[in-house]
Amino acid sequence: MSPRRAAIPNNWHVNASNPTGEPAEVAEGVYLPFSEVTADARFGDYNLRVGMRIIDRKPVCELFQVSAIPGGPKVSPTTLREIPLAAVLERMLTDLGFPYRLVDGEQISVPTPTVVEERASRQPRSTVLPQVVEAYRDAIARGSNSPTADVARQLNYARGYVSRLLSDARKAGMLGAARPGVSGEHHG
C-alpha cells in the first residue's frame, strides 16, 4: 500500500526514545515539555525514525530514516516522496507534545488545533494583514509572476495562509478586487 494513500493510521503509535531539552515555546505562551525528540513509528509497511527539534516555534526534522518491515516492500525513492513528512511531524507533536500554557504556575493543556492556528498567526491579524497587502503590492509592482508565493516566502508563511489573508484583505476593503485568474487589483 502506498504511504500517500494511507492516511496516518488510527493505531499509529510513537515511542519517544529521548525527549530532551528545556520546554519549547511553539506559539505565544504555549509550550511543549521538550525542545527535541527522536521517535520510532510504524507507518504502513515501513518503520520510521524521526528526529525533530523545535526551532523558532516550528518543528524542524533533523533525522528521517525509513526501513522496510521484514518481508515488506523495499524502500525506494518513490516511497520516500510519498510519506507525508509534515503530517508525521504534526502527529508526533500531538502524540508526544501535550502542549500547555502556564496559568498561575499550573500547566493547562492546550488543544493541538489551537496551537497550529496560533503558530500560523504569530502576530495579530490587524498587524499581519497590512504587511501582507504591502508585500503583495510590492511584488506586483516588481512584475512578479507569482506574487502570493513571493509574499509567502518573504514573510515566512504558508502560501495557502497568504491566499486566505489576501482574500480577507479584499473583503475588508484593504485590497482591490482582482480579475479572475489575474494577480493584482482591478480598479474600475
N, C-alpha and C. Protein backbone atom coordinates (compact mmCIF):
# COMPACT_ATOMS: atom_id res chain seq x y z
N MET A 1 0.85 -1.17 0.00
CA MET A 1 0.00 0.00 0.00
C MET A 1 0.89 1.23 0.00
N SER A 2 0.56 2.19 -0.82
CA SER A 2 1.32 3.42 -0.93
C SER A 2 1.11 4.28 0.31
N PRO A 3 2.19 4.77 0.95
CA PRO A 3 2.03 5.60 2.14
C PRO A 3 1.17 6.83 1.89
N ARG A 4 1.23 7.42 0.67
CA ARG A 4 0.45 8.63 0.40
C ARG A 4 -1.04 8.33 0.51
N ARG A 5 -1.46 7.18 -0.01
CA ARG A 5 -2.88 6.84 0.03
C ARG A 5 -3.30 6.44 1.44
N ALA A 6 -2.37 5.99 2.22
CA ALA A 6 -2.68 5.57 3.57
C ALA A 6 -2.55 6.77 4.49
N ALA A 7 -3.68 7.23 5.00
CA ALA A 7 -3.63 8.31 5.99
C ALA A 7 -2.88 7.78 7.20
N ILE A 8 -2.45 8.69 8.04
CA ILE A 8 -1.77 8.23 9.25
C ILE A 8 -2.78 7.39 10.03
N PRO A 9 -2.48 6.13 10.27
CA PRO A 9 -3.48 5.22 10.84
C PRO A 9 -3.87 5.58 12.26
N ASN A 10 -5.11 5.20 12.60
CA ASN A 10 -5.61 5.46 13.95
C ASN A 10 -4.80 4.71 14.99
N ASN A 11 -4.25 3.57 14.62
CA ASN A 11 -3.46 2.80 15.59
C ASN A 11 -1.99 3.21 15.58
N TRP A 12 -1.70 4.34 15.00
CA TRP A 12 -0.35 4.91 14.97
C TRP A 12 0.18 4.97 16.38
N HIS A 13 1.40 4.57 16.56
CA HIS A 13 1.99 4.65 17.90
C HIS A 13 3.41 5.16 17.77
N VAL A 14 3.73 6.12 18.58
CA VAL A 14 5.06 6.71 18.57
C VAL A 14 5.72 6.42 19.90
N ASN A 15 6.95 5.93 19.84
CA ASN A 15 7.74 5.73 21.04
C ASN A 15 8.82 6.79 21.08
N ALA A 16 8.76 7.66 22.07
CA ALA A 16 9.79 8.70 22.20
C ALA A 16 10.99 8.08 22.88
N SER A 17 12.12 8.11 22.21
CA SER A 17 13.29 7.48 22.80
C SER A 17 14.12 8.45 23.62
N ASN A 18 14.03 9.75 23.31
CA ASN A 18 14.81 10.67 24.13
C ASN A 18 14.30 12.11 24.04
N PRO A 19 13.12 12.38 24.60
CA PRO A 19 12.74 13.79 24.64
C PRO A 19 13.70 14.54 25.56
N THR A 20 14.28 15.62 25.05
CA THR A 20 15.29 16.33 25.82
C THR A 20 15.11 17.83 25.70
N GLY A 21 15.92 18.51 26.47
CA GLY A 21 15.97 19.97 26.40
C GLY A 21 14.94 20.63 27.28
N GLU A 22 15.03 21.93 27.27
CA GLU A 22 14.09 22.75 28.03
C GLU A 22 12.74 22.76 27.31
N PRO A 23 11.67 23.15 28.01
CA PRO A 23 10.40 23.33 27.30
C PRO A 23 10.58 24.31 26.14
N ALA A 24 9.87 24.06 25.05
CA ALA A 24 9.99 24.88 23.85
C ALA A 24 8.68 25.61 23.59
N GLU A 25 8.77 26.92 23.34
CA GLU A 25 7.58 27.70 23.01
C GLU A 25 7.22 27.42 21.55
N VAL A 26 5.97 27.02 21.30
CA VAL A 26 5.52 26.72 19.94
C VAL A 26 4.48 27.70 19.44
N ALA A 27 3.97 28.53 20.32
CA ALA A 27 3.05 29.63 19.99
C ALA A 27 3.14 30.59 21.17
N GLU A 28 2.57 31.75 21.03
CA GLU A 28 2.65 32.74 22.10
C GLU A 28 2.14 32.16 23.41
N GLY A 29 3.05 31.93 24.36
CA GLY A 29 2.67 31.44 25.68
C GLY A 29 2.28 29.97 25.72
N VAL A 30 2.52 29.22 24.64
CA VAL A 30 2.19 27.79 24.58
C VAL A 30 3.49 27.02 24.44
N TYR A 31 3.66 25.99 25.27
CA TYR A 31 4.92 25.26 25.35
C TYR A 31 4.73 23.76 25.16
N LEU A 32 5.79 23.11 24.68
CA LEU A 32 5.91 21.66 24.72
C LEU A 32 6.93 21.36 25.81
N PRO A 33 6.84 20.18 26.43
CA PRO A 33 7.77 19.88 27.53
C PRO A 33 9.18 19.52 27.06
N PHE A 34 9.45 19.55 25.77
CA PHE A 34 10.77 19.21 25.26
C PHE A 34 11.10 20.14 24.10
N SER A 35 12.38 20.23 23.78
CA SER A 35 12.78 21.02 22.61
C SER A 35 13.27 20.13 21.47
N GLU A 36 13.55 18.86 21.78
CA GLU A 36 13.90 17.92 20.71
C GLU A 36 13.51 16.52 21.13
N VAL A 37 13.25 15.68 20.12
CA VAL A 37 12.83 14.31 20.39
C VAL A 37 13.19 13.44 19.20
N THR A 38 13.50 12.19 19.48
CA THR A 38 13.65 11.18 18.43
C THR A 38 12.57 10.15 18.70
N ALA A 39 11.84 9.78 17.66
CA ALA A 39 10.73 8.86 17.85
C ALA A 39 10.74 7.79 16.76
N ASP A 40 10.26 6.61 17.13
CA ASP A 40 10.10 5.50 16.20
C ASP A 40 8.61 5.27 16.00
N ALA A 41 8.22 4.96 14.76
CA ALA A 41 6.81 4.72 14.48
C ALA A 41 6.69 3.73 13.33
N ARG A 42 5.60 3.04 13.28
CA ARG A 42 5.28 2.15 12.17
C ARG A 42 4.32 2.91 11.28
N PHE A 43 4.60 2.92 9.98
CA PHE A 43 3.76 3.63 9.02
C PHE A 43 3.56 2.73 7.82
N GLY A 44 2.39 2.09 7.74
CA GLY A 44 2.13 1.15 6.65
C GLY A 44 3.14 0.01 6.71
N ASP A 45 3.84 -0.22 5.61
CA ASP A 45 4.82 -1.31 5.53
C ASP A 45 6.23 -0.85 5.92
N TYR A 46 6.34 0.29 6.59
CA TYR A 46 7.65 0.86 6.87
C TYR A 46 7.78 1.26 8.33
N ASN A 47 9.01 1.16 8.83
CA ASN A 47 9.35 1.69 10.14
C ASN A 47 10.00 3.04 9.92
N LEU A 48 9.59 4.02 10.72
CA LEU A 48 10.15 5.36 10.62
C LEU A 48 10.92 5.70 11.88
N ARG A 49 11.99 6.41 11.73
CA ARG A 49 12.69 7.03 12.86
C ARG A 49 12.81 8.50 12.48
N VAL A 50 12.26 9.34 13.33
CA VAL A 50 12.21 10.77 13.04
C VAL A 50 12.80 11.53 14.22
N GLY A 51 13.74 12.40 13.93
CA GLY A 51 14.30 13.29 14.93
C GLY A 51 13.78 14.69 14.66
N MET A 52 13.21 15.31 15.67
CA MET A 52 12.60 16.62 15.50
C MET A 52 13.09 17.56 16.59
N ARG A 53 13.31 18.79 16.20
CA ARG A 53 13.70 19.84 17.14
C ARG A 53 12.79 21.03 16.91
N ILE A 54 12.43 21.72 17.98
CA ILE A 54 11.64 22.93 17.85
C ILE A 54 12.61 24.10 17.71
N ILE A 55 12.55 24.79 16.57
CA ILE A 55 13.39 25.94 16.29
C ILE A 55 12.49 27.07 15.84
N ASP A 56 12.60 28.23 16.49
CA ASP A 56 11.78 29.38 16.15
C ASP A 56 10.30 29.01 16.10
N ARG A 57 9.88 28.25 17.11
CA ARG A 57 8.49 27.83 17.30
C ARG A 57 7.98 26.83 16.28
N LYS A 58 8.84 26.31 15.42
CA LYS A 58 8.40 25.37 14.39
C LYS A 58 9.09 24.03 14.58
N PRO A 59 8.37 22.92 14.26
CA PRO A 59 9.04 21.63 14.28
C PRO A 59 9.94 21.51 13.05
N VAL A 60 11.20 21.16 13.28
CA VAL A 60 12.17 21.01 12.20
C VAL A 60 12.67 19.57 12.24
N CYS A 61 12.55 18.89 11.12
CA CYS A 61 13.00 17.50 11.03
C CYS A 61 14.51 17.48 10.82
N GLU A 62 15.23 16.86 11.74
CA GLU A 62 16.68 16.76 11.63
C GLU A 62 17.14 15.35 11.32
N LEU A 63 16.25 14.38 11.44
CA LEU A 63 16.57 12.98 11.15
C LEU A 63 15.32 12.35 10.57
N PHE A 64 15.49 11.62 9.47
CA PHE A 64 14.37 10.91 8.87
C PHE A 64 14.90 9.62 8.26
N GLN A 65 14.59 8.50 8.89
CA GLN A 65 15.04 7.20 8.41
C GLN A 65 13.83 6.32 8.13
N VAL A 66 13.88 5.61 7.05
CA VAL A 66 12.79 4.71 6.67
C VAL A 66 13.40 3.34 6.42
N SER A 67 12.80 2.30 7.01
CA SER A 67 13.23 0.94 6.73
C SER A 67 12.00 0.08 6.50
N ALA A 68 12.15 -0.90 5.64
CA ALA A 68 11.05 -1.81 5.34
C ALA A 68 10.88 -2.80 6.49
N ILE A 69 9.63 -3.17 6.76
CA ILE A 69 9.40 -4.22 7.75
C ILE A 69 9.85 -5.54 7.13
N PRO A 70 10.20 -6.54 7.94
CA PRO A 70 10.62 -7.83 7.37
C PRO A 70 9.56 -8.38 6.42
N GLY A 71 10.00 -8.72 5.22
CA GLY A 71 9.08 -9.26 4.22
C GLY A 71 8.28 -8.20 3.47
N GLY A 72 8.47 -6.94 3.83
CA GLY A 72 7.72 -5.86 3.19
C GLY A 72 8.42 -5.35 1.94
N PRO A 73 7.78 -4.42 1.25
CA PRO A 73 8.40 -3.86 0.04
C PRO A 73 9.65 -3.06 0.38
N LYS A 74 10.56 -3.02 -0.57
CA LYS A 74 11.80 -2.27 -0.39
C LYS A 74 11.52 -0.78 -0.37
N VAL A 75 12.37 -0.05 0.29
CA VAL A 75 12.29 1.42 0.30
C VAL A 75 12.86 1.92 -1.02
N SER A 76 12.09 2.77 -1.68
CA SER A 76 12.52 3.31 -2.97
C SER A 76 12.42 4.83 -2.92
N PRO A 77 12.95 5.52 -3.91
CA PRO A 77 12.78 6.98 -3.96
C PRO A 77 11.30 7.38 -3.94
N THR A 78 10.46 6.59 -4.60
CA THR A 78 9.02 6.87 -4.60
C THR A 78 8.45 6.75 -3.19
N THR A 79 8.89 5.73 -2.47
CA THR A 79 8.44 5.56 -1.08
C THR A 79 8.74 6.82 -0.28
N LEU A 80 9.95 7.32 -0.40
CA LEU A 80 10.35 8.49 0.37
C LEU A 80 9.53 9.72 -0.01
N ARG A 81 9.24 9.89 -1.31
CA ARG A 81 8.44 11.04 -1.74
C ARG A 81 7.00 10.95 -1.26
N GLU A 82 6.50 9.74 -1.08
CA GLU A 82 5.09 9.57 -0.75
C GLU A 82 4.77 9.62 0.73
N ILE A 83 5.76 9.58 1.58
CA ILE A 83 5.49 9.67 3.02
C ILE A 83 5.22 11.13 3.37
N PRO A 84 4.06 11.42 3.96
CA PRO A 84 3.69 12.81 4.27
C PRO A 84 4.41 13.31 5.52
N LEU A 85 5.65 13.75 5.34
CA LEU A 85 6.50 14.10 6.47
C LEU A 85 5.89 15.19 7.35
N ALA A 86 5.29 16.22 6.75
CA ALA A 86 4.68 17.29 7.56
C ALA A 86 3.59 16.72 8.46
N ALA A 87 2.77 15.82 7.92
CA ALA A 87 1.71 15.21 8.73
C ALA A 87 2.30 14.34 9.83
N VAL A 88 3.41 13.65 9.52
CA VAL A 88 4.07 12.83 10.54
C VAL A 88 4.57 13.71 11.68
N LEU A 89 5.20 14.85 11.36
CA LEU A 89 5.69 15.76 12.40
C LEU A 89 4.54 16.30 13.25
N GLU A 90 3.45 16.72 12.59
CA GLU A 90 2.31 17.23 13.36
C GLU A 90 1.73 16.15 14.26
N ARG A 91 1.66 14.92 13.75
CA ARG A 91 1.14 13.82 14.57
C ARG A 91 2.06 13.54 15.75
N MET A 92 3.38 13.64 15.51
CA MET A 92 4.32 13.46 16.63
C MET A 92 4.06 14.51 17.70
N LEU A 93 3.84 15.75 17.27
CA LEU A 93 3.55 16.80 18.25
C LEU A 93 2.31 16.46 19.05
N THR A 94 1.29 15.95 18.35
CA THR A 94 0.04 15.59 19.03
C THR A 94 0.26 14.45 20.01
N ASP A 95 1.00 13.43 19.58
CA ASP A 95 1.16 12.24 20.41
C ASP A 95 2.16 12.41 21.54
N LEU A 96 3.15 13.27 21.35
CA LEU A 96 4.20 13.40 22.34
C LEU A 96 4.18 14.72 23.09
N GLY A 97 3.59 15.72 22.48
CA GLY A 97 3.80 17.06 22.95
C GLY A 97 3.04 17.52 24.15
N PHE A 98 1.78 17.21 24.25
CA PHE A 98 0.97 17.74 25.33
C PHE A 98 1.19 19.24 25.49
N PRO A 99 0.86 20.03 24.45
CA PRO A 99 1.09 21.47 24.57
C PRO A 99 0.35 22.03 25.78
N TYR A 100 0.94 23.01 26.41
CA TYR A 100 0.33 23.59 27.61
C TYR A 100 0.64 25.07 27.72
N ARG A 101 -0.19 25.75 28.49
CA ARG A 101 0.04 27.14 28.92
C ARG A 101 0.29 27.10 30.41
N LEU A 102 1.04 28.05 30.88
CA LEU A 102 1.22 28.19 32.32
C LEU A 102 0.23 29.24 32.82
N VAL A 103 -0.66 28.82 33.71
CA VAL A 103 -1.64 29.72 34.30
C VAL A 103 -1.47 29.64 35.81
N ASP A 104 -1.01 30.73 36.40
CA ASP A 104 -0.74 30.76 37.84
C ASP A 104 0.16 29.59 38.25
N GLY A 105 1.19 29.32 37.43
CA GLY A 105 2.15 28.28 37.74
C GLY A 105 1.67 26.87 37.45
N GLU A 106 0.45 26.70 36.96
CA GLU A 106 -0.10 25.38 36.67
C GLU A 106 -0.13 25.15 35.16
N GLN A 107 0.22 23.92 34.73
CA GLN A 107 0.18 23.59 33.30
C GLN A 107 -1.25 23.26 32.90
N ILE A 108 -1.78 24.02 31.95
CA ILE A 108 -3.14 23.81 31.43
C ILE A 108 -3.00 23.34 29.99
N SER A 109 -3.57 22.16 29.67
CA SER A 109 -3.48 21.60 28.32
C SER A 109 -4.10 22.54 27.30
N VAL A 110 -3.48 22.57 26.11
CA VAL A 110 -3.97 23.38 25.00
C VAL A 110 -4.26 22.43 23.85
N PRO A 111 -5.48 22.44 23.27
CA PRO A 111 -5.76 21.56 22.14
C PRO A 111 -4.83 21.85 20.96
N THR A 112 -4.38 20.81 20.27
CA THR A 112 -3.44 20.97 19.16
C THR A 112 -3.94 21.92 18.09
N PRO A 113 -5.25 21.90 17.67
CA PRO A 113 -5.68 22.86 16.66
C PRO A 113 -5.45 24.31 17.08
N THR A 114 -5.56 24.59 18.36
CA THR A 114 -5.29 25.94 18.86
C THR A 114 -3.82 26.29 18.64
N VAL A 115 -2.94 25.34 18.91
CA VAL A 115 -1.50 25.58 18.74
C VAL A 115 -1.19 25.83 17.27
N VAL A 116 -1.76 25.01 16.38
CA VAL A 116 -1.50 25.16 14.95
C VAL A 116 -1.97 26.53 14.48
N GLU A 117 -3.15 26.94 14.90
CA GLU A 117 -3.67 28.24 14.49
C GLU A 117 -2.82 29.37 15.05
N GLU A 118 -2.42 29.27 16.31
CA GLU A 118 -1.61 30.32 16.91
C GLU A 118 -0.23 30.39 16.27
N ARG A 119 0.35 29.23 15.91
CA ARG A 119 1.65 29.24 15.25
C ARG A 119 1.55 29.90 13.88
N ALA A 120 0.43 29.67 13.19
CA ALA A 120 0.27 30.22 11.85
C ALA A 120 0.13 31.73 11.87
N SER A 121 -0.35 32.27 12.96
CA SER A 121 -0.54 33.72 13.03
C SER A 121 0.19 34.26 14.25
N ARG A 122 1.47 34.38 14.12
CA ARG A 122 2.31 34.79 15.25
C ARG A 122 2.00 36.20 15.70
N GLN A 123 1.54 37.02 14.77
CA GLN A 123 1.20 38.40 15.11
C GLN A 123 -0.30 38.56 14.99
N PRO A 124 -0.85 39.59 15.63
CA PRO A 124 -2.29 39.81 15.48
C PRO A 124 -2.64 40.05 14.02
N ARG A 125 -3.80 39.58 13.62
CA ARG A 125 -4.26 39.72 12.24
C ARG A 125 -4.25 41.19 11.81
N SER A 126 -4.58 42.08 12.72
CA SER A 126 -4.60 43.52 12.39
C SER A 126 -3.21 44.02 11.99
N THR A 127 -2.17 43.35 12.46
CA THR A 127 -0.79 43.68 12.09
C THR A 127 -0.37 42.96 10.81
N VAL A 128 -0.79 41.70 10.69
CA VAL A 128 -0.37 40.87 9.57
C VAL A 128 -1.00 41.31 8.25
N LEU A 129 -2.30 41.63 8.26
CA LEU A 129 -2.99 41.99 7.00
C LEU A 129 -2.32 43.15 6.27
N PRO A 130 -2.04 44.28 6.93
CA PRO A 130 -1.37 45.36 6.20
C PRO A 130 0.01 44.96 5.66
N GLN A 131 0.75 44.13 6.42
CA GLN A 131 2.06 43.67 5.96
C GLN A 131 1.92 42.83 4.69
N VAL A 132 0.93 41.94 4.69
CA VAL A 132 0.72 41.07 3.53
C VAL A 132 0.29 41.90 2.32
N VAL A 133 -0.62 42.86 2.54
CA VAL A 133 -1.09 43.72 1.43
C VAL A 133 0.09 44.51 0.85
N GLU A 134 0.89 45.09 1.71
CA GLU A 134 2.04 45.88 1.25
C GLU A 134 3.03 45.01 0.46
N ALA A 135 3.34 43.84 1.00
CA ALA A 135 4.27 42.93 0.32
C ALA A 135 3.69 42.46 -1.02
N TYR A 136 2.40 42.23 -1.06
CA TYR A 136 1.73 41.79 -2.29
C TYR A 136 1.79 42.90 -3.35
N ARG A 137 1.48 44.12 -2.95
CA ARG A 137 1.55 45.24 -3.90
C ARG A 137 2.98 45.45 -4.39
N ASP A 138 3.96 45.31 -3.51
CA ASP A 138 5.36 45.42 -3.92
C ASP A 138 5.73 44.34 -4.94
N ALA A 139 5.27 43.11 -4.70
CA ALA A 139 5.56 42.01 -5.62
C ALA A 139 4.93 42.28 -6.99
N ILE A 140 3.71 42.79 -7.00
CA ILE A 140 3.03 43.14 -8.27
C ILE A 140 3.82 44.24 -8.98
N ALA A 141 4.24 45.26 -8.23
CA ALA A 141 4.99 46.38 -8.82
C ALA A 141 6.32 45.91 -9.42
N ARG A 142 6.93 44.88 -8.82
CA ARG A 142 8.18 44.33 -9.34
C ARG A 142 7.95 43.43 -10.55
N GLY A 143 6.69 43.17 -10.87
CA GLY A 143 6.38 42.32 -12.02
C GLY A 143 6.43 40.84 -11.72
N SER A 144 6.22 40.48 -10.47
CA SER A 144 6.27 39.07 -10.08
C SER A 144 5.22 38.26 -10.83
N ASN A 145 5.62 37.06 -11.25
CA ASN A 145 4.68 36.14 -11.90
C ASN A 145 3.85 35.37 -10.88
N SER A 146 4.32 35.29 -9.64
CA SER A 146 3.56 34.62 -8.57
C SER A 146 3.71 35.41 -7.28
N PRO A 147 2.98 36.53 -7.20
CA PRO A 147 3.13 37.40 -6.04
C PRO A 147 2.72 36.74 -4.72
N THR A 148 1.71 35.88 -4.74
CA THR A 148 1.28 35.23 -3.50
C THR A 148 2.41 34.35 -2.96
N ALA A 149 3.03 33.57 -3.83
CA ALA A 149 4.14 32.71 -3.41
C ALA A 149 5.32 33.55 -2.94
N ASP A 150 5.59 34.68 -3.62
CA ASP A 150 6.69 35.56 -3.21
C ASP A 150 6.44 36.13 -1.82
N VAL A 151 5.20 36.55 -1.56
CA VAL A 151 4.86 37.09 -0.24
C VAL A 151 5.02 36.00 0.82
N ALA A 152 4.58 34.79 0.51
CA ALA A 152 4.70 33.68 1.47
C ALA A 152 6.16 33.45 1.84
N ARG A 153 7.04 33.44 0.83
CA ARG A 153 8.48 33.25 1.11
C ARG A 153 9.04 34.42 1.92
N GLN A 154 8.68 35.63 1.51
CA GLN A 154 9.21 36.82 2.17
C GLN A 154 8.82 36.89 3.64
N LEU A 155 7.56 36.57 3.95
CA LEU A 155 7.06 36.70 5.32
C LEU A 155 7.11 35.38 6.10
N ASN A 156 7.59 34.31 5.45
CA ASN A 156 7.72 33.02 6.11
C ASN A 156 6.37 32.45 6.56
N TYR A 157 5.39 32.53 5.68
CA TYR A 157 4.07 31.93 5.91
C TYR A 157 3.80 30.92 4.81
N ALA A 158 2.88 30.01 5.06
CA ALA A 158 2.45 29.07 4.03
C ALA A 158 1.69 29.84 2.95
N ARG A 159 1.83 29.39 1.70
CA ARG A 159 1.17 30.06 0.58
C ARG A 159 -0.35 30.11 0.78
N GLY A 160 -0.94 29.01 1.24
CA GLY A 160 -2.38 28.97 1.47
C GLY A 160 -2.83 29.99 2.50
N TYR A 161 -2.01 30.18 3.54
CA TYR A 161 -2.33 31.16 4.57
C TYR A 161 -2.31 32.57 3.98
N VAL A 162 -1.32 32.86 3.13
CA VAL A 162 -1.24 34.18 2.48
C VAL A 162 -2.46 34.38 1.58
N SER A 163 -2.86 33.34 0.86
CA SER A 163 -4.05 33.44 0.00
C SER A 163 -5.28 33.80 0.82
N ARG A 164 -5.44 33.14 1.97
CA ARG A 164 -6.60 33.46 2.83
C ARG A 164 -6.52 34.89 3.35
N LEU A 165 -5.30 35.32 3.72
CA LEU A 165 -5.15 36.69 4.20
C LEU A 165 -5.46 37.70 3.10
N LEU A 166 -5.03 37.42 1.87
CA LEU A 166 -5.34 38.33 0.76
C LEU A 166 -6.85 38.38 0.51
N SER A 167 -7.50 37.25 0.59
CA SER A 167 -8.96 37.21 0.44
C SER A 167 -9.63 38.03 1.54
N ASP A 168 -9.16 37.87 2.77
CA ASP A 168 -9.70 38.65 3.90
C ASP A 168 -9.45 40.14 3.69
N ALA A 169 -8.26 40.49 3.16
CA ALA A 169 -7.93 41.89 2.92
C ALA A 169 -8.86 42.48 1.86
N ARG A 170 -9.19 41.70 0.84
CA ARG A 170 -10.11 42.18 -0.19
C ARG A 170 -11.49 42.41 0.41
N LYS A 171 -11.95 41.47 1.23
CA LYS A 171 -13.26 41.60 1.88
C LYS A 171 -13.31 42.81 2.80
N ALA A 172 -12.18 43.12 3.44
CA ALA A 172 -12.11 44.25 4.37
C ALA A 172 -11.89 45.58 3.64
N GLY A 173 -11.73 45.53 2.32
CA GLY A 173 -11.53 46.75 1.55
C GLY A 173 -10.10 47.28 1.58
N MET A 174 -9.17 46.46 2.08
CA MET A 174 -7.76 46.88 2.15
C MET A 174 -7.03 46.64 0.83
N LEU A 175 -7.63 45.82 -0.02
CA LEU A 175 -7.04 45.44 -1.30
C LEU A 175 -8.18 45.37 -2.31
N GLY A 176 -7.96 45.96 -3.48
CA GLY A 176 -9.00 45.95 -4.51
C GLY A 176 -9.26 44.56 -5.05
N ALA A 177 -10.41 44.42 -5.71
CA ALA A 177 -10.79 43.15 -6.31
C ALA A 177 -9.82 42.79 -7.43
N ALA A 178 -9.68 41.51 -7.66
CA ALA A 178 -8.82 41.02 -8.74
C ALA A 178 -9.70 40.46 -9.85
N ARG A 179 -9.18 40.49 -11.05
CA ARG A 179 -9.86 39.82 -12.16
C ARG A 179 -9.61 38.32 -11.99
N PRO A 180 -10.58 37.49 -12.34
CA PRO A 180 -10.38 36.04 -12.21
C PRO A 180 -9.14 35.58 -12.97
N GLY A 181 -8.26 34.89 -12.27
CA GLY A 181 -7.06 34.34 -12.86
C GLY A 181 -5.93 35.32 -13.09
N VAL A 182 -6.11 36.59 -12.64
CA VAL A 182 -5.09 37.61 -12.85
C VAL A 182 -4.73 38.20 -11.49
N SER A 183 -3.43 38.20 -11.17
CA SER A 183 -2.98 38.77 -9.90
C SER A 183 -3.15 40.28 -9.90
N GLY A 184 -3.23 40.85 -8.74
CA GLY A 184 -3.27 42.29 -8.59
C GLY A 184 -4.63 42.82 -8.19
N GLU A 185 -4.83 44.11 -8.48
CA GLU A 185 -6.09 44.78 -8.14
C GLU A 185 -6.69 45.36 -9.41
N HIS A 186 -7.98 45.28 -9.51
CA HIS A 186 -8.71 45.85 -10.64
C HIS A 186 -9.46 47.09 -10.14
N HIS A 187 -9.14 48.23 -10.65
CA HIS A 187 -9.80 49.48 -10.24
C HIS A 187 -10.71 49.93 -11.36
N GLY A 188 -11.94 49.61 -11.29
CA GLY A 188 -12.81 50.13 -12.34
C GLY A 188 -13.86 49.23 -12.77
